[in-house]
Amino acid sequence: MTAATLEKLPVTVVTGFLGSGKTTLIRHLMQNPEGKRLAVVVNEFGDVGVDGDILKSCAIPDCPAENIVELANGCICCTVADDFIPTIEALMALDPRPDHILIETSGLALPKPLLKAFDWPDIRSRITVDGVIALADAEAVAAGRFAPDVAAVNAQRAADDSLDHETPLSEVFEDQISCADIVLLTKPDLAGPEGVARAREIIAAEAPRPLPVIEVAEGAVDARVILGLGAAAEDDLHARPSHHDGVADHEHDDFDSVVIDLPEQDDPSDLVARIERLADELNILRVKGHAAVRGKPMRLLVQAVGARVRHQFDRPWRPDEARQGRLVVIAEHDDVDADAIRAILTGDPVAAG
C-alpha cells in the first residue's frame, strides 16, 4: 500500500434546490477538473429529479462513466447500509482510485444527516468531507421563493414519502445554508444587481457564521475554489445547526459496532444462516470480516448488508497467523447487544435463547 492510499479520500457535498444549478456545476467540474480524477454520486428520486445519464453523457477520461453512480432510492442518509456505503466502497476500489468524490444531493435533502452518515465505521477512517457547497438561485432567494420552480419542487416532495411535506421551503433553505462552507449564488444575470444584493443579505442573515458567497453563471467556477477546502465537515457538526437537530427521524445515523472472534467453522453455509439471523432478529445492518473453515487452506471473506450475505475465499492463511475468524457487526446504537450477537454467531443455542 502506498502512502497516497493511506490519505483520507475527500468528498464534496453539493446541495441546493431542484433547479438551482447543481448538475450544471458538476458537469463543469467534470470537464474542468484541474487535474483531479473525479467520481460522482447523484442522489435523486426517480425521474422527478436529475437523471444520472445526463452526467454520464459528459464523461471524460478524468471522470469516466464508470465513476458516475446514480442512487434513486431516496435519501442516501436513510439507506446507508444498502446504498451509500457499498457505493462509496465501490468508488474507492476503482483502479485508478478517484482523487475526489462529488455527491449531488436531492434538491430537498437536508445535508446535515448526510454528514452524520460519514461517521459509519467502515468509512470514517478513509473518507473526509472536504466541504459542503450550497447552491442558491439568486432571483428566487431575493423573491423569498428560495426555489426557482416551486411547482417542480413540490412535485419532487410529493414523490418521496420519506420527506416532511410540512416543512417550509425556507427552513430547508436555511438548513442548506447553515451546513455550507461556500455558497454559490447562481443565475445572477436573471436577478440583476439589486436581486443579487438582496439574496446576499438574506444568506448573510441565515448563515450561522460568515460564509463566502460567489456569483456563478452556468456553473463556471474554478475547481480550485471549491475543491480542496479541507473542512472536515464531519468533525464540526455542532457549527452547522439545523432546524431538525434532535429530530428522531435521523437518529439512525448514530451507529455502533462490535467485533466478534470466531472459532473455525465446519460449513460456510451455517455461518451465513447465523448472519441472516442477526438481520432478522437483531436488526443488524452490516457484517464484515473473515472466517476460518476447517480443512480449507484459504481464508473466507464475509460481507453482509442486512440479510444479504456474500462470501468467498480470498487468500491463503499465512503460516504466521492464527486461523481465527473475526467479524465486525454494525447496527444502530440501540440495537447493538454484544452478548446476543456473539451467541448467535458462535452458535451457542443456550446463550442465544
Protein backbone atom coordinates (compact mmCIF):
# COMPACT_ATOMS: atom_id res chain seq x y z
CA MET A 1 0.00 0.00 0.00
CA THR A 2 1.40 3.37 -0.98
CA ALA A 3 1.38 6.41 1.24
CA ALA A 4 -1.21 8.04 -1.01
CA THR A 5 -3.76 5.32 -0.31
CA LEU A 6 -3.46 5.98 3.41
CA GLU A 7 -4.76 9.52 2.98
CA LYS A 8 -8.45 10.15 3.51
CA LEU A 9 -10.35 10.48 0.25
CA PRO A 10 -12.01 13.94 0.07
CA VAL A 11 -15.72 14.20 -0.64
CA THR A 12 -17.59 17.38 -1.56
CA VAL A 13 -21.33 17.53 -0.88
CA VAL A 14 -23.29 19.71 -3.33
CA THR A 15 -26.68 20.81 -2.02
CA GLY A 16 -29.40 23.17 -3.21
CA PHE A 17 -32.96 23.11 -4.50
CA LEU A 18 -34.04 21.44 -7.72
CA GLY A 19 -33.19 23.89 -10.50
CA SER A 20 -30.53 25.78 -8.58
CA GLY A 21 -27.80 24.53 -10.91
CA LYS A 22 -26.22 21.55 -9.12
CA THR A 23 -25.94 19.35 -12.19
CA THR A 24 -24.62 22.24 -14.30
CA LEU A 25 -21.94 22.85 -11.69
CA ILE A 26 -20.90 19.19 -11.59
CA ARG A 27 -20.79 19.00 -15.38
CA HIS A 28 -18.45 21.98 -15.37
CA LEU A 29 -16.22 20.38 -12.72
CA MET A 30 -16.13 17.13 -14.69
CA GLN A 31 -14.95 18.98 -17.78
CA ASN A 32 -12.55 21.26 -15.86
CA PRO A 33 -11.22 19.08 -13.04
CA GLU A 34 -7.84 20.84 -12.66
CA GLY A 35 -6.02 17.53 -12.90
CA LYS A 36 -8.18 15.68 -10.37
CA ARG A 37 -9.71 12.31 -11.20
CA LEU A 38 -13.33 12.69 -10.09
CA ALA A 39 -16.15 10.35 -9.18
CA VAL A 40 -19.77 11.46 -8.84
CA VAL A 41 -22.72 10.17 -6.81
CA VAL A 42 -26.12 11.58 -7.78
CA ASN A 43 -28.92 11.13 -5.23
CA GLU A 44 -32.34 11.78 -6.70
CA PHE A 45 -35.91 10.47 -6.58
CA GLY A 46 -36.63 8.65 -9.83
CA ASP A 47 -37.48 10.71 -12.89
CA VAL A 48 -38.62 13.70 -10.87
CA GLY A 49 -35.02 14.75 -10.24
CA VAL A 50 -31.76 14.78 -12.15
CA ASP A 51 -31.01 11.90 -14.48
CA GLY A 52 -27.55 10.46 -13.92
CA ASP A 53 -27.39 9.70 -17.63
CA ILE A 54 -27.02 13.44 -18.26
CA LEU A 55 -23.75 13.42 -16.38
CA LYS A 56 -22.62 10.13 -17.91
CA SER A 57 -23.05 11.66 -21.34
CA CYS A 58 -20.45 14.26 -20.31
CA ALA A 59 -17.93 11.69 -19.11
CA ILE A 60 -14.28 12.37 -19.90
CA PRO A 61 -11.07 10.48 -19.09
CA ASP A 62 -10.72 12.24 -15.71
CA CYS A 63 -14.30 11.29 -14.85
CA PRO A 64 -15.29 8.22 -16.91
CA ALA A 65 -18.82 6.84 -16.95
CA GLU A 66 -17.99 4.06 -14.50
CA ASN A 67 -17.12 6.77 -11.95
CA ILE A 68 -20.67 8.16 -12.07
CA VAL A 69 -23.33 6.48 -9.94
CA GLU A 70 -26.99 7.40 -9.57
CA LEU A 71 -28.88 6.45 -6.40
CA ALA A 72 -32.62 6.86 -6.86
CA ASN A 73 -33.89 5.08 -3.73
CA GLY A 74 -34.47 8.12 -1.57
CA CYS A 75 -32.30 10.00 0.87
CA ILE A 76 -28.88 8.31 0.99
CA CYS A 77 -28.51 9.05 4.68
CA CYS A 78 -31.60 6.85 5.19
CA THR A 79 -30.23 3.98 3.07
CA VAL A 80 -26.68 3.94 4.40
CA ALA A 81 -26.18 0.17 4.55
CA ASP A 82 -27.99 -0.71 1.33
CA ASP A 83 -26.84 2.06 -0.99
CA PHE A 84 -24.45 4.67 0.33
CA ILE A 85 -21.65 2.59 1.89
CA PRO A 86 -21.45 -0.02 -0.92
CA THR A 87 -21.37 2.81 -3.48
CA ILE A 88 -18.57 4.70 -1.71
CA GLU A 89 -16.60 1.47 -1.22
CA ALA A 90 -17.01 0.58 -4.89
CA LEU A 91 -15.73 4.00 -5.96
CA MET A 92 -12.77 3.75 -3.59
CA ALA A 93 -11.92 0.35 -5.06
CA LEU A 94 -11.68 1.69 -8.62
CA ASP A 95 -8.29 1.44 -10.30
CA PRO A 96 -7.13 4.13 -10.57
CA ARG A 97 -8.79 5.39 -7.42
CA PRO A 98 -10.59 8.75 -7.70
CA ASP A 99 -8.84 11.78 -6.23
CA HIS A 100 -12.13 13.36 -5.18
CA ILE A 101 -15.80 12.32 -4.91
CA LEU A 102 -18.67 14.72 -5.60
CA ILE A 103 -22.07 13.94 -4.07
CA GLU A 104 -25.06 15.73 -5.54
CA THR A 105 -27.89 15.55 -3.01
CA SER A 106 -31.57 15.60 -3.78
CA GLY A 107 -32.98 19.10 -4.02
CA LEU A 108 -34.97 18.54 -0.83
CA ALA A 109 -32.36 16.62 1.12
CA LEU A 110 -31.09 18.03 4.38
CA PRO A 111 -27.28 17.98 4.19
CA LYS A 112 -26.54 17.53 7.89
CA PRO A 113 -27.89 13.96 8.21
CA LEU A 114 -25.72 13.04 5.22
CA LEU A 115 -22.67 14.40 7.04
CA LYS A 116 -23.57 12.21 10.01
CA ALA A 117 -23.58 9.20 7.69
CA PHE A 118 -19.86 9.71 7.20
CA ASP A 119 -19.40 8.51 10.77
CA TRP A 120 -20.18 4.99 9.56
CA PRO A 121 -17.40 2.78 10.99
CA ASP A 122 -16.44 1.24 7.65
CA ILE A 123 -15.52 4.56 6.04
CA ARG A 124 -14.91 7.22 8.67
CA SER A 125 -11.18 6.47 8.77
CA ARG A 126 -10.89 6.57 4.97
CA ILE A 127 -13.19 9.44 3.91
CA THR A 128 -13.40 13.11 4.86
CA VAL A 129 -15.99 15.72 3.89
CA ASP A 130 -13.76 18.27 2.17
CA GLY A 131 -16.60 20.78 2.06
CA VAL A 132 -20.31 21.43 1.63
CA ILE A 133 -21.23 23.63 -1.34
CA ALA A 134 -24.73 25.15 -1.27
CA LEU A 135 -26.21 26.49 -4.49
CA ALA A 136 -28.84 29.20 -4.23
CA ASP A 137 -30.82 30.71 -7.12
CA ALA A 138 -30.26 34.45 -6.69
CA GLU A 139 -33.60 35.54 -8.18
CA ALA A 140 -35.64 33.00 -6.18
CA VAL A 141 -33.88 33.80 -2.90
CA ALA A 142 -34.33 37.54 -3.40
CA ALA A 143 -38.05 36.98 -4.05
CA GLY A 144 -38.48 34.79 -0.97
CA ARG A 145 -39.39 31.71 -3.04
CA PHE A 146 -35.97 30.09 -2.44
CA ALA A 147 -36.56 27.56 -5.25
CA PRO A 148 -36.61 28.70 -8.90
CA ASP A 149 -39.57 26.43 -9.74
CA VAL A 150 -41.73 25.94 -6.67
CA ALA A 151 -44.18 23.68 -8.52
CA ALA A 152 -41.36 21.33 -9.57
CA VAL A 153 -40.02 21.25 -6.01
CA ASN A 154 -43.46 20.44 -4.64
CA ALA A 155 -43.82 17.65 -7.20
CA GLN A 156 -40.48 16.26 -6.07
CA ARG A 157 -41.59 16.47 -2.45
CA ALA A 158 -44.85 14.66 -3.21
CA ALA A 159 -42.97 11.86 -4.97
CA ASP A 160 -40.98 10.89 -1.88
CA ASP A 161 -42.88 9.67 1.16
CA SER A 162 -39.83 9.96 3.42
CA LEU A 163 -39.83 13.77 3.19
CA ASP A 164 -41.62 16.02 5.65
CA HIS A 165 -44.22 17.61 3.41
CA GLU A 166 -45.00 20.25 6.01
CA THR A 167 -41.50 21.71 6.27
CA PRO A 168 -41.49 25.21 4.74
CA LEU A 169 -39.05 25.65 1.87
CA SER A 170 -37.49 28.49 3.86
CA GLU A 171 -36.42 26.01 6.56
CA VAL A 172 -34.89 23.61 4.04
CA PHE A 173 -33.02 26.56 2.51
CA GLU A 174 -31.81 27.68 5.95
CA ASP A 175 -30.56 24.16 6.73
CA GLN A 176 -28.67 24.05 3.43
CA ILE A 177 -27.03 27.43 4.12
CA SER A 178 -26.25 26.55 7.75
CA CYS A 179 -24.39 23.43 6.66
CA ALA A 180 -22.39 25.09 3.89
CA ASP A 181 -18.75 26.08 3.68
CA ILE A 182 -19.29 28.10 0.49
CA VAL A 183 -22.48 29.42 -1.13
CA LEU A 184 -22.68 29.70 -4.91
CA LEU A 185 -25.23 32.30 -5.98
CA THR A 186 -26.45 31.09 -9.37
CA LYS A 187 -28.18 32.86 -12.28
CA PRO A 188 -27.05 36.32 -11.15
CA ASP A 189 -27.93 37.72 -14.57
CA LEU A 190 -31.62 36.93 -14.02
CA ALA A 191 -31.62 38.52 -10.59
CA GLY A 192 -29.85 41.71 -11.60
CA PRO A 193 -27.65 43.73 -9.25
CA GLU A 194 -30.48 44.57 -6.83
CA GLY A 195 -31.63 40.95 -6.66
CA VAL A 196 -28.09 39.70 -6.07
CA ALA A 197 -27.61 42.23 -3.28
CA ARG A 198 -30.90 41.22 -1.66
CA ALA A 199 -30.02 37.50 -1.94
CA ARG A 200 -26.65 38.18 -0.31
CA GLU A 201 -28.39 39.95 2.59
CA ILE A 202 -30.76 37.02 3.13
CA ILE A 203 -27.93 34.47 3.05
CA ALA A 204 -25.84 36.52 5.48
CA ALA A 205 -28.81 36.73 7.85
CA GLU A 206 -29.42 32.98 7.77
CA ALA A 207 -25.79 31.80 7.94
CA PRO A 208 -24.58 30.78 11.42
CA ARG A 209 -21.12 32.12 10.59
CA PRO A 210 -19.60 34.31 7.86
CA LEU A 211 -19.63 32.40 4.57
CA PRO A 212 -18.00 33.12 1.21
CA VAL A 213 -20.72 33.88 -1.37
CA ILE A 214 -19.64 33.59 -5.00
CA GLU A 215 -21.72 34.56 -8.02
CA VAL A 216 -21.66 31.78 -10.62
CA ALA A 217 -23.20 31.70 -14.10
CA GLU A 218 -23.68 28.40 -15.95
CA GLY A 219 -21.77 26.51 -13.25
CA ALA A 220 -18.48 28.09 -14.28
CA VAL A 221 -16.34 28.17 -11.16
CA ASP A 222 -12.68 27.26 -10.81
CA ALA A 223 -12.37 23.82 -9.21
CA ARG A 224 -9.53 25.17 -7.08
CA VAL A 225 -12.01 27.50 -5.37
CA ILE A 226 -14.43 24.85 -4.14
CA LEU A 227 -12.38 21.62 -4.05
CA GLY A 228 -9.58 21.10 -1.55
CA LEU A 229 -11.20 23.12 1.26
CA GLY A 230 -10.10 20.62 3.91
CA ALA A 231 -13.16 21.49 6.01
CA ALA A 232 -13.50 18.02 7.63
CA ALA A 233 -17.19 18.90 7.97
CA GLU A 234 -17.95 15.61 9.69
CA ASP A 235 -15.92 16.80 12.68
CA ASP A 236 -17.65 20.14 13.29
CA LEU A 237 -21.34 19.30 13.06
CA HIS A 238 -22.02 21.50 16.09
CA ALA A 239 -21.10 24.53 13.98
CA ARG A 240 -23.73 23.58 11.38
CA PRO A 241 -27.10 23.97 13.14
CA SER A 242 -30.29 22.55 11.66
CA HIS A 243 -33.98 23.06 12.27
CA HIS A 244 -34.09 19.29 12.57
CA ASP A 245 -31.39 18.79 15.20
CA GLY A 246 -32.62 16.24 17.69
CA VAL A 247 -35.49 15.08 15.48
CA ALA A 248 -35.84 11.33 15.76
CA ASP A 249 -36.18 10.80 12.00
CA HIS A 250 -32.40 10.69 11.58
CA GLU A 251 -31.31 9.19 14.89
CA HIS A 252 -30.48 6.06 12.87
CA ASP A 253 -27.32 7.84 11.84
CA ASP A 254 -25.94 7.06 15.31
CA PHE A 255 -24.18 3.75 14.66
CA ASP A 256 -22.20 1.39 16.84
CA SER A 257 -20.22 -1.76 16.21
CA VAL A 258 -18.91 -4.84 17.98
CA VAL A 259 -16.08 -7.20 17.00
CA ILE A 260 -16.75 -10.92 17.38
CA ASP A 261 -13.96 -13.54 17.32
CA LEU A 262 -15.00 -16.82 15.72
CA PRO A 263 -13.60 -20.34 16.07
CA GLU A 264 -13.05 -22.46 12.97
CA GLN A 265 -16.25 -23.12 11.05
CA ASP A 266 -17.33 -26.51 9.75
CA ASP A 267 -19.57 -25.20 6.98
CA PRO A 268 -19.75 -21.67 5.48
CA SER A 269 -23.49 -22.06 4.88
CA ASP A 270 -24.08 -22.41 8.62
CA LEU A 271 -22.25 -19.14 9.24
CA VAL A 272 -24.29 -17.45 6.51
CA ALA A 273 -27.51 -18.64 8.16
CA ARG A 274 -26.41 -17.21 11.51
CA ILE A 275 -25.59 -13.84 9.93
CA GLU A 276 -29.02 -13.83 8.31
CA ARG A 277 -30.49 -14.39 11.79
CA LEU A 278 -28.68 -11.29 13.03
CA ALA A 279 -30.51 -9.15 10.49
CA ASP A 280 -33.88 -10.79 11.10
CA GLU A 281 -33.77 -10.93 14.90
CA LEU A 282 -31.44 -8.11 15.99
CA ASN A 283 -31.81 -5.53 13.18
CA ILE A 284 -28.11 -5.75 12.33
CA LEU A 285 -27.24 -3.58 9.33
CA ARG A 286 -23.78 -4.70 8.29
CA VAL A 287 -21.35 -7.57 8.91
CA LYS A 288 -17.83 -7.59 7.52
CA GLY A 289 -14.79 -9.72 8.22
CA HIS A 290 -13.32 -13.18 7.70
CA ALA A 291 -13.58 -16.72 9.00
CA ALA A 292 -11.55 -19.92 9.02
CA VAL A 293 -13.18 -23.04 7.59
CA ARG A 294 -11.97 -26.38 8.89
CA GLY A 295 -9.86 -28.23 6.31
CA LYS A 296 -9.62 -25.25 3.95
CA PRO A 297 -6.27 -23.50 3.39
CA MET A 298 -7.97 -20.29 2.22
CA ARG A 299 -9.44 -17.52 4.37
CA LEU A 300 -13.20 -16.95 3.94
CA LEU A 301 -14.07 -13.29 3.34
CA VAL A 302 -17.58 -12.38 4.54
CA GLN A 303 -19.61 -9.25 3.79
CA ALA A 304 -23.29 -8.72 4.53
CA VAL A 305 -25.77 -5.91 4.13
CA GLY A 306 -28.81 -6.79 6.18
CA ALA A 307 -29.74 -10.38 5.38
CA ARG A 308 -27.86 -10.37 2.06
CA VAL A 309 -24.61 -12.23 2.67
CA ARG A 310 -21.70 -12.57 0.25
CA HIS A 311 -18.73 -14.83 0.95
CA GLN A 312 -15.69 -16.04 -0.94
CA PHE A 313 -12.24 -17.46 -0.26
CA ASP A 314 -9.89 -14.52 -0.77
CA ARG A 315 -6.35 -15.68 0.11
CA PRO A 316 -4.39 -18.48 1.82
CA TRP A 317 -3.84 -18.28 5.55
CA ARG A 318 -0.28 -17.19 6.21
CA PRO A 319 1.95 -19.53 8.23
CA ASP A 320 2.46 -16.87 10.89
CA GLU A 321 -1.21 -16.09 11.57
CA ALA A 322 -3.75 -17.92 13.71
CA ARG A 323 -6.69 -19.47 11.92
CA GLN A 324 -9.01 -17.17 13.82
CA GLY A 325 -12.16 -15.63 12.41
CA ARG A 326 -13.20 -12.09 13.19
CA LEU A 327 -16.35 -10.23 12.19
CA VAL A 328 -17.28 -6.57 12.66
CA VAL A 329 -21.02 -6.21 13.28
CA ILE A 330 -22.63 -2.79 12.79
CA ALA A 331 -26.08 -1.58 13.81
CA GLU A 332 -27.92 1.40 15.14
CA HIS A 333 -26.61 2.22 18.58
CA ASP A 334 -29.61 0.87 20.49
CA ASP A 335 -29.59 -2.42 18.57
CA VAL A 336 -26.03 -3.44 19.48
CA ASP A 337 -26.38 -6.24 22.03
CA ALA A 338 -22.91 -7.78 22.07
CA ASP A 339 -23.91 -10.86 24.06
CA ALA A 340 -26.86 -11.70 21.81
CA ILE A 341 -24.77 -11.11 18.67
CA ARG A 342 -21.96 -13.29 19.97
CA ALA A 343 -24.38 -16.04 20.97
CA ILE A 344 -25.92 -16.24 17.51
CA LEU A 345 -22.60 -16.07 15.63
CA THR A 346 -20.87 -18.69 17.76
CA GLY A 347 -23.87 -20.98 17.55
CA ASP A 348 -24.50 -21.24 21.27
CA PRO A 349 -28.20 -22.16 21.46
CA VAL A 350 -28.42 -21.66 25.23
CA ALA A 351 -26.96 -18.15 25.15
CA ALA A 352 -28.89 -17.26 22.01
CA GLY A 353 -32.14 -18.20 23.60
